[in-house]
PDB file of N, CA and C in Angstrom:
ATOM      1  N   UNK A   1       0.228  16.180   4.932  1.00  0.00           N
ATOM      2  CA  UNK A   1       0.330  15.162   3.897  1.00  0.00           C
ATOM      3  C   UNK A   1       1.047  13.919   4.419  1.00  0.00           C
ATOM      4  N   UNK A   2       1.950  14.109   5.383  1.00  0.00           N
ATOM      5  CA  UNK A   2       2.706  12.979   5.918  1.00  0.00           C
ATOM      6  C   UNK A   2       1.785  11.967   6.594  1.00  0.00           C
ATOM      7  N   UNK A   3       0.868  12.454   7.431  1.00  0.00           N
ATOM      8  CA  UNK A   3      -0.023  11.532   8.133  1.00  0.00           C
ATOM      9  C   UNK A   3      -0.938  10.789   7.171  1.00  0.00           C
ATOM     10  N   UNK A   4      -1.415  11.472   6.157  1.00  0.00           N
ATOM     11  CA  UNK A   4      -2.282  10.794   5.187  1.00  0.00           C
ATOM     12  C   UNK A   4      -1.485   9.773   4.366  1.00  0.00           C
ATOM     13  N   UNK A   5      -0.224  10.056   4.089  1.00  0.00           N
ATOM     14  CA  UNK A   5       0.603   9.100   3.344  1.00  0.00           C
ATOM     15  C   UNK A   5       0.915   7.884   4.207  1.00  0.00           C
ATOM     16  N   UNK A   6       1.177   8.110   5.481  1.00  0.00           N
ATOM     17  CA  UNK A   6       1.426   6.983   6.393  1.00  0.00           C
ATOM     18  C   UNK A   6       0.175   6.124   6.521  1.00  0.00           C
ATOM     19  N   UNK A   7      -0.980   6.749   6.679  1.00  0.00           N
ATOM     20  CA  UNK A   7      -2.237   6.009   6.783  1.00  0.00           C
ATOM     21  C   UNK A   7      -2.508   5.229   5.503  1.00  0.00           C
ATOM     22  N   UNK A   8      -2.269   5.846   4.378  1.00  0.00           N
ATOM     23  CA  UNK A   8      -2.479   5.185   3.087  1.00  0.00           C
ATOM     24  C   UNK A   8      -1.549   3.983   2.931  1.00  0.00           C
ATOM     25  N   UNK A   9      -0.301   4.118   3.349  1.00  0.00           N
ATOM     26  CA  UNK A   9       0.648   3.002   3.258  1.00  0.00           C
ATOM     27  C   UNK A   9       0.190   1.831   4.120  1.00  0.00           C
ATOM     28  N   UNK A  10      -0.270   2.119   5.321  1.00  0.00           N
ATOM     29  CA  UNK A  10      -0.715   1.061   6.220  1.00  0.00           C
ATOM     30  C   UNK A  10      -1.987   0.404   5.711  1.00  0.00           C
ATOM     31  N   UNK A  11      -2.951   1.205   5.260  1.00  0.00           N
ATOM     32  CA  UNK A  11      -4.209   0.640   4.741  1.00  0.00           C
ATOM     33  C   UNK A  11      -3.978  -0.183   3.479  1.00  0.00           C
ATOM     34  N   UNK A  12      -3.093   0.282   2.611  1.00  0.00           N
ATOM     35  CA  UNK A  12      -2.808  -0.472   1.385  1.00  0.00           C
ATOM     36  C   UNK A  12      -2.141  -1.800   1.728  1.00  0.00           C
ATOM     37  N   UNK A  13      -1.241  -1.782   2.696  1.00  0.00           N
ATOM     38  CA  UNK A  13      -0.588  -3.009   3.118  1.00  0.00           C
ATOM     39  C   UNK A  13      -1.565  -4.001   3.737  1.00  0.00           C
ATOM     40  N   UNK A  14      -2.480  -3.499   4.553  1.00  0.00           N
ATOM     41  CA  UNK A  14      -3.488  -4.370   5.166  1.00  0.00           C
ATOM     42  C   UNK A  14      -4.405  -4.952   4.103  1.00  0.00           C
ATOM     43  N   UNK A  15      -4.830  -4.132   3.151  1.00  0.00           N
ATOM     44  CA  UNK A  15      -5.733  -4.635   2.106  1.00  0.00           C
ATOM     45  C   UNK A  15      -5.038  -5.689   1.249  1.00  0.00           C
ATOM     46  N   UNK A  16      -3.738  -5.506   1.020  1.00  0.00           N
ATOM     47  CA  UNK A  16      -2.964  -6.487   0.242  1.00  0.00           C
ATOM     48  C   UNK A  16      -2.906  -7.825   0.973  1.00  0.00           C
ATOM     49  N   UNK A  17      -2.636  -7.763   2.269  1.00  0.00           N
ATOM     50  CA  UNK A  17      -2.576  -8.991   3.058  1.00  0.00           C
ATOM     51  C   UNK A  17      -3.944  -9.661   3.162  1.00  0.00           C
ATOM     52  N   UNK A  18      -5.006  -8.869   3.301  1.00  0.00           N
ATOM     53  CA  UNK A  18      -6.359  -9.440   3.331  1.00  0.00           C
ATOM     54  C   UNK A  18      -6.709 -10.106   2.006  1.00  0.00           C
ATOM     55  N   UNK A  19      -6.306  -9.482   0.922  1.00  0.00           N
ATOM     56  CA  UNK A  19      -6.606 -10.029  -0.395  1.00  0.00           C
ATOM     57  C   UNK A  19      -5.935 -11.385  -0.590  1.00  0.00           C
ATOM     58  N   UNK A  20      -4.637 -11.448  -0.319  1.00  0.00           N
ATOM     59  CA  UNK A  20      -3.902 -12.684  -0.578  1.00  0.00           C
ATOM     60  C   UNK A  20      -3.990 -13.702   0.556  1.00  0.00           C
ATOM     61  N   UNK A  21      -4.206 -13.245   1.782  1.00  0.00           N
ATOM     62  CA  UNK A  21      -4.241 -14.163   2.904  1.00  0.00           C
ATOM     63  C   UNK A  21      -5.619 -14.626   3.319  1.00  0.00           C
ATOM     64  N   UNK A  22      -6.658 -13.901   2.900  1.00  0.00           N
ATOM     65  CA  UNK A  22      -8.012 -14.229   3.334  1.00  0.00           C
ATOM     66  C   UNK A  22      -8.954 -14.507   2.166  1.00  0.00           C
ATOM     67  N   UNK A  23      -9.118 -13.506   1.297  1.00  0.00           N
ATOM     68  CA  UNK A  23     -10.167 -13.643   0.280  1.00  0.00           C
ATOM     69  C   UNK A  23      -9.777 -14.570  -0.877  1.00  0.00           C
ATOM     70  N   UNK A  24      -8.507 -14.579  -1.267  1.00  0.00           N
ATOM     71  CA  UNK A  24      -8.123 -15.489  -2.352  1.00  0.00           C
ATOM     72  C   UNK A  24      -8.179 -16.957  -1.925  1.00  0.00           C
ATOM     73  N   UNK A  25      -7.741 -17.307  -0.715  1.00  0.00           N
ATOM     74  CA  UNK A  25      -7.958 -18.698  -0.293  1.00  0.00           C
ATOM     75  C   UNK A  25      -9.439 -19.075  -0.235  1.00  0.00           C
ATOM     76  N   UNK A  26     -10.282 -18.143   0.220  1.00  0.00           N
ATOM     77  CA  UNK A  26     -11.720 -18.430   0.218  1.00  0.00           C
ATOM     78  C   UNK A  26     -12.227 -18.670  -1.199  1.00  0.00           C
ATOM     79  N   UNK A  27     -11.745 -17.879  -2.130  1.00  0.00           N
ATOM     80  CA  UNK A  27     -12.192 -18.008  -3.511  1.00  0.00           C
ATOM     81  C   UNK A  27     -11.744 -19.334  -4.128  1.00  0.00           C
ATOM     82  N   UNK A  28     -10.489 -19.665  -3.975  1.00  0.00           N
ATOM     83  CA  UNK A  28      -9.953 -20.823  -4.689  1.00  0.00           C
ATOM     84  C   UNK A  28     -10.078 -22.139  -3.923  1.00  0.00           C
ATOM     85  N   UNK A  29     -10.092 -22.098  -2.597  1.00  0.00           N
ATOM     86  CA  UNK A  29     -10.180 -23.340  -1.844  1.00  0.00           C
ATOM     87  C   UNK A  29     -11.602 -23.664  -1.411  1.00  0.00           C
ATOM     88  N   UNK A  30     -12.397 -22.617  -1.138  1.00  0.00           N
ATOM     89  CA  UNK A  30     -13.752 -22.858  -0.645  1.00  0.00           C
ATOM     90  C   UNK A  30     -14.826 -22.501  -1.668  1.00  0.00           C
ATOM     91  N   UNK A  31     -14.431 -21.885  -2.770  1.00  0.00           N
ATOM     92  CA  UNK A  31     -15.398 -21.513  -3.794  1.00  0.00           C
ATOM     93  C   UNK A  31     -16.286 -20.343  -3.414  1.00  0.00           C
ATOM     94  N   UNK A  32     -15.879 -19.562  -2.426  1.00  0.00           N
ATOM     95  CA  UNK A  32     -16.644 -18.385  -2.001  1.00  0.00           C
ATOM     96  C   UNK A  32     -16.019 -17.165  -2.665  1.00  0.00           C
ATOM     97  N   UNK A  33     -16.710 -16.588  -3.637  1.00  0.00           N
ATOM     98  CA  UNK A  33     -16.127 -15.501  -4.436  1.00  0.00           C
ATOM     99  C   UNK A  33     -16.399 -14.097  -3.906  1.00  0.00           C
ATOM    100  N   UNK A  34     -17.440 -13.906  -3.153  1.00  0.00           N
ATOM    101  CA  UNK A  34     -17.875 -12.555  -2.777  1.00  0.00           C
ATOM    102  C   UNK A  34     -16.824 -11.742  -2.016  1.00  0.00           C
ATOM    103  N   UNK A  35     -16.165 -12.306  -0.989  1.00  0.00           N
ATOM    104  CA  UNK A  35     -15.165 -11.467  -0.295  1.00  0.00           C
ATOM    105  C   UNK A  35     -14.045 -10.992  -1.222  1.00  0.00           C
ATOM    106  N   UNK A  36     -13.666 -11.822  -2.160  1.00  0.00           N
ATOM    107  CA  UNK A  36     -12.593 -11.449  -3.077  1.00  0.00           C
ATOM    108  C   UNK A  36     -12.990 -10.255  -3.937  1.00  0.00           C
ATOM    109  N   UNK A  37     -14.241 -10.185  -4.322  1.00  0.00           N
ATOM    110  CA  UNK A  37     -14.708  -9.066  -5.146  1.00  0.00           C
ATOM    111  C   UNK A  37     -14.573  -7.755  -4.381  1.00  0.00           C
ATOM    112  N   UNK A  38     -15.116  -7.726  -3.161  1.00  0.00           N
ATOM    113  CA  UNK A  38     -15.134  -6.469  -2.399  1.00  0.00           C
ATOM    114  C   UNK A  38     -13.749  -6.070  -1.903  1.00  0.00           C
ATOM    115  N   UNK A  39     -13.004  -7.028  -1.392  1.00  0.00           N
ATOM    116  CA  UNK A  39     -11.650  -6.709  -0.933  1.00  0.00           C
ATOM    117  C   UNK A  39     -10.778  -6.320  -2.123  1.00  0.00           C
ATOM    118  N   UNK A  40     -11.009  -6.959  -3.261  1.00  0.00           N
ATOM    119  CA  UNK A  40     -10.267  -6.605  -4.471  1.00  0.00           C
ATOM    120  C   UNK A  40     -10.531  -5.181  -4.925  1.00  0.00           C
ATOM    121  N   UNK A  41     -11.791  -4.747  -4.863  1.00  0.00           N
ATOM    122  CA  UNK A  41     -12.120  -3.365  -5.217  1.00  0.00           C
ATOM    123  C   UNK A  41     -11.432  -2.376  -4.275  1.00  0.00           C
ATOM    124  N   UNK A  42     -11.509  -2.658  -2.976  1.00  0.00           N
ATOM    125  CA  UNK A  42     -10.898  -1.761  -1.991  1.00  0.00           C
ATOM    126  C   UNK A  42      -9.383  -1.724  -2.185  1.00  0.00           C
ATOM    127  N   UNK A  43      -8.781  -2.892  -2.376  1.00  0.00           N
ATOM    128  CA  UNK A  43      -7.333  -2.933  -2.571  1.00  0.00           C
ATOM    129  C   UNK A  43      -6.933  -2.194  -3.849  1.00  0.00           C
ATOM    130  N   UNK A  44      -7.685  -2.375  -4.910  1.00  0.00           N
ATOM    131  CA  UNK A  44      -7.382  -1.674  -6.159  1.00  0.00           C
ATOM    132  C   UNK A  44      -7.413  -0.167  -5.993  1.00  0.00           C
ATOM    133  N   UNK A  45      -8.433   0.321  -5.296  1.00  0.00           N
ATOM    134  CA  UNK A  45      -8.533   1.758  -5.036  1.00  0.00           C
ATOM    135  C   UNK A  45      -7.359   2.233  -4.197  1.00  0.00           C
ATOM    136  N   UNK A  46      -7.044   1.502  -3.111  1.00  0.00           N
ATOM    137  CA  UNK A  46      -5.944   1.903  -2.232  1.00  0.00           C
ATOM    138  C   UNK A  46      -4.590   1.810  -2.938  1.00  0.00           C
ATOM    139  N   UNK A  47      -4.430   0.820  -3.809  1.00  0.00           N
ATOM    140  CA  UNK A  47      -3.180   0.684  -4.561  1.00  0.00           C
ATOM    141  C   UNK A  47      -2.964   1.901  -5.459  1.00  0.00           C
ATOM    142  N   UNK A  48      -3.982   2.278  -6.209  1.00  0.00           N
ATOM    143  CA  UNK A  48      -3.868   3.437  -7.100  1.00  0.00           C
ATOM    144  C   UNK A  48      -3.650   4.714  -6.292  1.00  0.00           C
ATOM    145  N   UNK A  49      -4.385   4.853  -5.188  1.00  0.00           N
ATOM    146  CA  UNK A  49      -4.219   6.032  -4.337  1.00  0.00           C
ATOM    147  C   UNK A  49      -2.808   6.083  -3.753  1.00  0.00           C
ATOM    148  N   UNK A  50      -2.257   4.929  -3.387  1.00  0.00           N
ATOM    149  CA  UNK A  50      -0.901   4.887  -2.836  1.00  0.00           C
ATOM    150  C   UNK A  50       0.125   5.301  -3.885  1.00  0.00           C
ATOM    151  N   UNK A  51      -0.021   4.813  -5.095  1.00  0.00           N
ATOM    152  CA  UNK A  51       0.926   5.151  -6.159  1.00  0.00           C
ATOM    153  C   UNK A  51       0.889   6.657  -6.448  1.00  0.00           C
ATOM    154  N   UNK A  52      -0.308   7.204  -6.570  1.00  0.00           N
ATOM    155  CA  UNK A  52      -0.447   8.644  -6.824  1.00  0.00           C
ATOM    156  C   UNK A  52       0.047   9.447  -5.624  1.00  0.00           C
ATOM    157  N   UNK A  53      -0.332   9.008  -4.412  1.00  0.00           N
ATOM    158  CA  UNK A  53       0.105   9.698  -3.205  1.00  0.00           C
ATOM    159  C   UNK A  53       1.615   9.658  -3.035  1.00  0.00           C
ATOM    160  N   UNK A  54       2.225   8.519  -3.350  1.00  0.00           N
ATOM    161  CA  UNK A  54       3.685   8.400  -3.239  1.00  0.00           C
ATOM    162  C   UNK A  54       4.378   9.346  -4.212  1.00  0.00           C
ATOM    163  N   UNK A  55       3.829   9.446  -5.420  1.00  0.00           N
ATOM    164  CA  UNK A  55       4.403  10.372  -6.404  1.00  0.00           C
ATOM    165  C   UNK A  55       4.329  11.809  -5.888  1.00  0.00           C
ATOM    166  N   UNK A  56       3.146  12.208  -5.408  1.00  0.00           N
ATOM    167  CA  UNK A  56       2.979  13.575  -4.906  1.00  0.00           C
ATOM    168  C   UNK A  56       3.844  13.822  -3.675  1.00  0.00           C
ATOM    169  N   UNK A  57       3.922  12.843  -2.795  1.00  0.00           N
ATOM    170  CA  UNK A  57       4.711  13.003  -1.577  1.00  0.00           C
ATOM    171  C   UNK A  57       6.193  13.093  -1.894  1.00  0.00           C
ATOM    172  N   UNK A  58       6.675  12.280  -2.795  1.00  0.00           N
ATOM    173  CA  UNK A  58       8.085  12.330  -3.184  1.00  0.00           C
ATOM    174  C   UNK A  58       8.429  13.675  -3.820  1.00  0.00           C
ATOM    175  N   UNK A  59       7.512  14.205  -4.600  1.00  0.00           N
ATOM    176  CA  UNK A  59       7.742  15.540  -5.197  1.00  0.00           C
ATOM    177  C   UNK A  59       7.761  16.607  -4.114  1.00  0.00           C
ATOM    178  N   UNK A  60       6.843  16.501  -3.150  1.00  0.00           N
ATOM    179  CA  UNK A  60       6.790  17.487  -2.076  1.00  0.00           C
ATOM    180  C   UNK A  60       8.074  17.468  -1.246  1.00  0.00           C
ATOM    181  N   UNK A  61       8.604  16.276  -0.998  1.00  0.00           N
ATOM    182  CA  UNK A  61       9.823  16.141  -0.204  1.00  0.00           C
ATOM    183  C   UNK A  61      11.088  16.391  -1.031  1.00  0.00           C
ATOM    184  N   UNK A  62      10.901  16.601  -2.342  1.00  0.00           N
ATOM    185  CA  UNK A  62      12.013  16.795  -3.280  1.00  0.00           C
ATOM    186  C   UNK A  62      12.929  15.575  -3.320  1.00  0.00           C
ATOM    187  N   UNK A  63      12.310  14.397  -3.225  1.00  0.00           N
ATOM    188  CA  UNK A  63      13.025  13.145  -3.380  1.00  0.00           C
ATOM    189  C   UNK A  63      13.033  12.792  -4.853  1.00  0.00           C
ATOM    190  N   UNK A  64      14.038  12.100  -5.287  1.00  0.00           N
ATOM    191  CA  UNK A  64      14.166  11.747  -6.697  1.00  0.00           C
ATOM    192  C   UNK A  64      13.368  10.508  -7.083  1.00  0.00           C
ATOM    193  N   UNK A  65      13.583  10.106  -8.319  1.00  0.00           N
ATOM    194  CA  UNK A  65      12.889   8.943  -8.871  1.00  0.00           C
ATOM    195  C   UNK A  65      13.297   7.643  -8.201  1.00  0.00           C
ATOM    196  N   UNK A  66      14.510   7.627  -7.651  1.00  0.00           N
ATOM    197  CA  UNK A  66      14.995   6.405  -7.011  1.00  0.00           C
ATOM    198  C   UNK A  66      14.102   6.018  -5.823  1.00  0.00           C
ATOM    199  N   UNK A  67      13.774   6.969  -4.991  1.00  0.00           N
ATOM    200  CA  UNK A  67      12.926   6.670  -3.831  1.00  0.00           C
ATOM    201  C   UNK A  67      11.499   6.389  -4.285  1.00  0.00           C
ATOM    202  N   UNK A  68      11.003   7.144  -5.271  1.00  0.00           N
ATOM    203  CA  UNK A  68       9.656   6.848  -5.775  1.00  0.00           C
ATOM    204  C   UNK A  68       9.586   5.428  -6.339  1.00  0.00           C
ATOM    205  N   UNK A  69      10.634   5.008  -7.023  1.00  0.00           N
ATOM    206  CA  UNK A  69      10.672   3.643  -7.559  1.00  0.00           C
ATOM    207  C   UNK A  69      10.631   2.629  -6.427  1.00  0.00           C
ATOM    208  N   UNK A  70      11.287   2.930  -5.323  1.00  0.00           N
ATOM    209  CA  UNK A  70      11.223   2.050  -4.153  1.00  0.00           C
ATOM    210  C   UNK A  70       9.798   1.968  -3.620  1.00  0.00           C
ATOM    211  N   UNK A  71       9.101   3.095  -3.560  1.00  0.00           N
ATOM    212  CA  UNK A  71       7.701   3.090  -3.129  1.00  0.00           C
ATOM    213  C   UNK A  71       6.857   2.241  -4.080  1.00  0.00           C
ATOM    214  N   UNK A  72       7.090   2.386  -5.373  1.00  0.00           N
ATOM    215  CA  UNK A  72       6.317   1.626  -6.355  1.00  0.00           C
ATOM    216  C   UNK A  72       6.563   0.126  -6.208  1.00  0.00           C
ATOM    217  N   UNK A  73       7.818  -0.256  -6.106  1.00  0.00           N
ATOM    218  CA  UNK A  73       8.141  -1.681  -5.965  1.00  0.00           C
ATOM    219  C   UNK A  73       7.593  -2.216  -4.642  1.00  0.00           C
ATOM    220  N   UNK A  74       7.664  -1.413  -3.599  1.00  0.00           N
ATOM    221  CA  UNK A  74       7.143  -1.837  -2.292  1.00  0.00           C
ATOM    222  C   UNK A  74       5.647  -2.097  -2.341  1.00  0.00           C
ATOM    223  N   UNK A  75       4.941  -1.361  -3.176  1.00  0.00           N
ATOM    224  CA  UNK A  75       3.492  -1.564  -3.271  1.00  0.00           C
ATOM    225  C   UNK A  75       3.147  -2.889  -3.943  1.00  0.00           C
ATOM    226  N   UNK A  76       4.100  -3.481  -4.617  1.00  0.00           N
ATOM    227  CA  UNK A  76       3.877  -4.758  -5.289  1.00  0.00           C
ATOM    228  C   UNK A  76       4.248  -5.960  -4.421  1.00  0.00           C
ATOM    229  N   UNK A  77       4.912  -5.715  -3.302  1.00  0.00           N
ATOM    230  CA  UNK A  77       5.408  -6.791  -2.448  1.00  0.00           C
ATOM    231  C   UNK A  77       4.622  -6.866  -1.136  1.00  0.00           C
ATOM    232  N   UNK A  78       4.381  -8.065  -0.643  1.00  0.00           N
ATOM    233  CA  UNK A  78       3.760  -8.169   0.683  1.00  0.00           C
ATOM    234  C   UNK A  78       4.658  -7.511   1.735  1.00  0.00           C
ATOM    235  N   UNK A  79       4.072  -6.783   2.629  1.00  0.00           N
ATOM    236  CA  UNK A  79       4.760  -6.049   3.700  1.00  0.00           C
ATOM    237  C   UNK A  79       5.632  -4.909   3.183  1.00  0.00           C
ATOM    238  N   UNK A  80       5.620  -4.654   1.887  1.00  0.00           N
ATOM    239  CA  UNK A  80       6.463  -3.603   1.322  1.00  0.00           C
ATOM    240  C   UNK A  80       6.083  -2.215   1.782  1.00  0.00           C
ATOM    241  N   UNK A  81       4.792  -1.945   1.854  1.00  0.00           N
ATOM    242  CA  UNK A  81       4.371  -0.603   2.273  1.00  0.00           C
ATOM    243  C   UNK A  81       4.651  -0.385   3.758  1.00  0.00           C
ATOM    244  N   UNK A  82       4.608  -1.457   4.551  1.00  0.00           N
ATOM    245  CA  UNK A  82       4.960  -1.323   5.965  1.00  0.00           C
ATOM    246  C   UNK A  82       6.450  -0.987   6.114  1.00  0.00           C
ATOM    247  N   UNK A  83       7.265  -1.608   5.289  1.00  0.00           N
ATOM    248  CA  UNK A  83       8.704  -1.321   5.300  1.00  0.00           C
ATOM    249  C   UNK A  83       8.965   0.137   4.922  1.00  0.00           C
ATOM    250  N   UNK A  84       8.312   0.603   3.872  1.00  0.00           N
ATOM    251  CA  UNK A  84       8.528   1.984   3.425  1.00  0.00           C
ATOM    252  C   UNK A  84       8.042   2.986   4.472  1.00  0.00           C
ATOM    253  N   UNK A  85       6.956   2.642   5.148  1.00  0.00           N
ATOM    254  CA  UNK A  85       6.467   3.504   6.217  1.00  0.00           C
ATOM    255  C   UNK A  85       7.521   3.618   7.314  1.00  0.00           C
ATOM    256  N   UNK A  86       8.077   2.490   7.720  1.00  0.00           N
ATOM    257  CA  UNK A  86       9.076   2.515   8.783  1.00  0.00           C
ATOM    258  C   UNK A  86      10.390   3.164   8.377  1.00  0.00           C
ATOM    259  N   UNK A  87      10.783   2.966   7.144  1.00  0.00           N
ATOM    260  CA  UNK A  87      12.090   3.473   6.695  1.00  0.00           C
ATOM    261  C   UNK A  87      12.056   4.949   6.286  1.00  0.00           C
ATOM    262  N   UNK A  88      11.004   5.381   5.596  1.00  0.00           N
ATOM    263  CA  UNK A  88      10.987   6.740   5.048  1.00  0.00           C
ATOM    264  C   UNK A  88       9.953   7.667   5.685  1.00  0.00           C
ATOM    265  N   UNK A  89       8.801   7.157   6.052  1.00  0.00           N
ATOM    266  CA  UNK A  89       7.729   8.033   6.508  1.00  0.00           C
ATOM    267  C   UNK A  89       7.755   8.283   8.020  1.00  0.00           C
ATOM    268  N   UNK A  90       7.915   7.216   8.788  1.00  0.00           N
ATOM    269  CA  UNK A  90       7.907   7.374  10.246  1.00  0.00           C
ATOM    270  C   UNK A  90       9.014   8.274  10.748  1.00  0.00           C
ATOM    271  N   UNK A  91      10.253   8.178  10.241  1.00  0.00           N
ATOM    272  CA  UNK A  91      11.294   9.095  10.718  1.00  0.00           C
ATOM    273  C   UNK A  91      10.961  10.572  10.474  1.00  0.00           C
ATOM    274  N   UNK A  92      10.200  10.865   9.432  1.00  0.00           N
ATOM    275  CA  UNK A  92       9.823  12.264   9.174  1.00  0.00           C
ATOM    276  C   UNK A  92       8.851  12.783  10.229  1.00  0.00           C
ATOM    277  N   UNK A  93       7.999  11.888  10.750  1.00  0.00           N
ATOM    278  CA  UNK A  93       7.029  12.330  11.751  1.00  0.00           C
ATOM    279  C   UNK A  93       7.690  12.526  13.117  1.00  0.00           C
ATOM    280  N   UNK A  94       8.843  11.923  13.340  1.00  0.00           N
ATOM    281  CA  UNK A  94       9.557  12.088  14.602  1.00  0.00           C
ATOM    282  C   UNK A  94      10.403  13.350  14.631  1.00  0.00           C
ATOM    283  N   UNK A  95      10.677  13.922  13.467  1.00  0.00           N
ATOM    284  CA  UNK A  95      11.545  15.103  13.441  1.00  0.00           C
ATOM    285  C   UNK A  95      10.771  16.392  13.484  1.00  0.00           C
TER     286      UNK A  95
END
């Protein structure tokens, strides 16, 4: 479950950056809407999967609501999931 959670955190972070750094500028500055639709769908799916996965992973690790809340807030911030991966997930894979 750890590897899938790490992969999910990284993919969700990449999709978030693609959405705000690539497809939204195309939509609003160039009037090209199509990339925003598809990247938005992928990001939405990955966001929901990350939230559910974080809940399940926190329960499996017997972490409390405080850490789950950090995962939730991190999913709303740019680079947040990368931070959570480095702070909480990567150290578990090294042990």
